Amino acid sequence: MALSPHHSDWQTIRSDLARRVREIREELYGENGGPLLAGALGLPFRTVLNYEDGCAIPAEVILRFIEVTHANPHWLLTGRGERYLPKNRQ
């Protein structure tokens, strides 16, 4: 079964998103702060690890992540712009 030409694009998008989630987690919660972030998100720690490893992240989890971390949605999804929302938008 041949993969569509867009398959690798989605893999890249997922891995880039996972990397940015990990960057924010490490910055806000520390290198070993996965359990703290998982608790803040109301998720099992293993689930957060799966997301950081590149598993697809459901929209409701992305929205909760943005709410908890104040990550800039544009940066989170594209890697462009400011990493966090301006203080007055939090």
C-alpha atoms as a PDB file:
ATOM      1  CA  MET A   1       0.000   0.000   0.000  1.00  0.00           C
ATOM      2  CA  ALA A   2       1.614   3.234  -1.114  1.00  0.00           C
ATOM      3  CA  LEU A   3       1.466   6.245   1.148  1.00  0.00           C
ATOM      4  CA  SER A   4      -0.010   9.443  -0.179  1.00  0.00           C
ATOM      5  CA  PRO A   5       2.459  12.229  -0.930  1.00  0.00           C
ATOM      6  CA  HIS A   6       1.006  14.185   1.973  1.00  0.00           C
ATOM      7  CA  HIS A   7       1.695  11.452   4.553  1.00  0.00           C
ATOM      8  CA  SER A   8       5.180  12.723   5.333  1.00  0.00           C
ATOM      9  CA  ASP A   9       3.817  16.280   5.579  1.00  0.00           C
ATOM     10  CA  TRP A  10       1.453  15.194   8.358  1.00  0.00           C
ATOM     11  CA  GLN A  11       4.246  13.328  10.097  1.00  0.00           C
ATOM     12  CA  THR A  12       6.367  16.477  10.013  1.00  0.00           C
ATOM     13  CA  ILE A  13       3.518  18.610  11.335  1.00  0.00           C
ATOM     14  CA  ARG A  14       2.891  16.158  14.181  1.00  0.00           C
ATOM     15  CA  SER A  15       6.560  15.876  15.110  1.00  0.00           C
ATOM     16  CA  ASP A  16       6.994  19.671  15.025  1.00  0.00           C
ATOM     17  CA  LEU A  17       3.933  20.136  17.234  1.00  0.00           C
ATOM     18  CA  ALA A  18       5.228  17.474  19.623  1.00  0.00           C
ATOM     19  CA  ARG A  19       8.600  19.231  19.805  1.00  0.00           C
ATOM     20  CA  ARG A  20       6.966  22.572  20.614  1.00  0.00           C
ATOM     21  CA  VAL A  21       4.757  20.981  23.301  1.00  0.00           C
ATOM     22  CA  ARG A  22       7.902  19.456  24.831  1.00  0.00           C
ATOM     23  CA  GLU A  23       9.738  22.803  24.665  1.00  0.00           C
ATOM     24  CA  ILE A  24       6.973  24.566  26.564  1.00  0.00           C
ATOM     25  CA  ARG A  25       6.683  21.744  29.087  1.00  0.00           C
ATOM     26  CA  GLU A  26      10.423  21.834  29.766  1.00  0.00           C
ATOM     27  CA  GLU A  27      10.444  25.622  30.033  1.00  0.00           C
ATOM     28  CA  LEU A  28       7.453  25.857  32.377  1.00  0.00           C
ATOM     29  CA  TYR A  29       7.655  22.582  34.313  1.00  0.00           C
ATOM     30  CA  GLY A  30      11.274  21.501  33.952  1.00  0.00           C
ATOM     31  CA  GLU A  31      12.920  18.554  32.262  1.00  0.00           C
ATOM     32  CA  ASN A  32      11.154  16.080  34.555  1.00  0.00           C
ATOM     33  CA  GLY A  33       7.918  18.050  34.812  1.00  0.00           C
ATOM     34  CA  GLY A  34       5.797  15.800  32.618  1.00  0.00           C
ATOM     35  CA  PRO A  35       3.724  14.556  35.563  1.00  0.00           C
ATOM     36  CA  LEU A  36       3.032  18.156  36.619  1.00  0.00           C
ATOM     37  CA  LEU A  37       1.839  19.114  33.143  1.00  0.00           C
ATOM     38  CA  ALA A  38      -0.208  15.927  32.898  1.00  0.00           C
ATOM     39  CA  GLY A  39      -1.903  16.801  36.200  1.00  0.00           C
ATOM     40  CA  ALA A  40      -2.624  20.342  35.014  1.00  0.00           C
ATOM     41  CA  LEU A  41      -4.150  18.930  31.821  1.00  0.00           C
ATOM     42  CA  GLY A  42      -6.110  16.241  33.679  1.00  0.00           C
ATOM     43  CA  LEU A  43      -4.382  13.485  31.677  1.00  0.00           C
ATOM     44  CA  PRO A  44      -2.302  10.446  32.546  1.00  0.00           C
ATOM     45  CA  PHE A  45       1.432  11.111  32.360  1.00  0.00           C
ATOM     46  CA  ARG A  46       1.850   8.343  29.753  1.00  0.00           C
ATOM     47  CA  THR A  47      -0.618  10.152  27.478  1.00  0.00           C
ATOM     48  CA  VAL A  48       1.446  13.347  27.642  1.00  0.00           C
ATOM     49  CA  LEU A  49       4.561  11.320  26.824  1.00  0.00           C
ATOM     50  CA  ASN A  50       2.770   9.854  23.808  1.00  0.00           C
ATOM     51  CA  TYR A  51       1.883  13.351  22.593  1.00  0.00           C
ATOM     52  CA  GLU A  52       5.496  14.461  23.016  1.00  0.00           C
ATOM     53  CA  ASP A  53       6.562  11.395  21.009  1.00  0.00           C
ATOM     54  CA  GLY A  54       4.416  12.525  18.068  1.00  0.00           C
ATOM     55  CA  CYS A  55       1.028  10.872  18.565  1.00  0.00           C
ATOM     56  CA  ALA A  56      -1.866  12.945  17.286  1.00  0.00           C
ATOM     57  CA  ILE A  57      -3.112  15.393  19.912  1.00  0.00           C
ATOM     58  CA  PRO A  58      -6.897  15.874  20.063  1.00  0.00           C
ATOM     59  CA  ALA A  59      -8.149  19.435  19.607  1.00  0.00           C
ATOM     60  CA  GLU A  60      -9.602  19.589  23.125  1.00  0.00           C
ATOM     61  CA  VAL A  61      -6.176  18.718  24.560  1.00  0.00           C
ATOM     62  CA  ILE A  62      -4.489  21.402  22.433  1.00  0.00           C
ATOM     63  CA  LEU A  63      -7.040  23.938  23.683  1.00  0.00           C
ATOM     64  CA  ARG A  64      -6.501  22.897  27.313  1.00  0.00           C
ATOM     65  CA  PHE A  65      -2.707  23.028  26.793  1.00  0.00           C
ATOM     66  CA  ILE A  66      -3.037  26.602  25.487  1.00  0.00           C
ATOM     67  CA  GLU A  67      -5.236  27.541  28.438  1.00  0.00           C
ATOM     68  CA  VAL A  68      -2.874  26.007  31.020  1.00  0.00           C
ATOM     69  CA  THR A  69       0.428  27.202  29.542  1.00  0.00           C
ATOM     70  CA  HIS A  70      -0.675  30.448  27.827  1.00  0.00           C
ATOM     71  CA  ALA A  71       1.078  29.197  24.693  1.00  0.00           C
ATOM     72  CA  ASN A  72       0.444  31.269  21.615  1.00  0.00           C
ATOM     73  CA  PRO A  73      -1.735  29.061  19.365  1.00  0.00           C
ATOM     74  CA  HIS A  74      -0.075  30.408  16.222  1.00  0.00           C
ATOM     75  CA  TRP A  75       3.416  29.590  17.511  1.00  0.00           C
ATOM     76  CA  LEU A  76       2.295  26.200  18.809  1.00  0.00           C
ATOM     77  CA  LEU A  77       0.912  25.179  15.430  1.00  0.00           C
ATOM     78  CA  THR A  78       3.419  26.873  13.117  1.00  0.00           C
ATOM     79  CA  GLY A  79       6.542  27.682  15.127  1.00  0.00           C
ATOM     80  CA  ARG A  80       6.280  31.316  14.020  1.00  0.00           C
ATOM     81  CA  GLY A  81       5.705  34.365  16.201  1.00  0.00           C
ATOM     82  CA  GLU A  82       5.888  34.706  19.959  1.00  0.00           C
ATOM     83  CA  ARG A  83       5.896  31.529  22.046  1.00  0.00           C
ATOM     84  CA  TYR A  84       3.435  32.865  24.625  1.00  0.00           C
ATOM     85  CA  LEU A  85       0.372  35.068  24.494  1.00  0.00           C
ATOM     86  CA  PRO A  86       0.885  38.672  25.593  1.00  0.00           C
ATOM     87  CA  LYS A  87       0.210  39.191  29.309  1.00  0.00           C
ATOM     88  CA  ASN A  88      -2.945  41.229  28.636  1.00  0.00           C
ATOM     89  CA  ARG A  89      -4.465  38.294  26.636  1.00  0.00           C
ATOM     90  CA  GLN A  90      -3.940  35.783  29.442  1.00  0.00           C
END
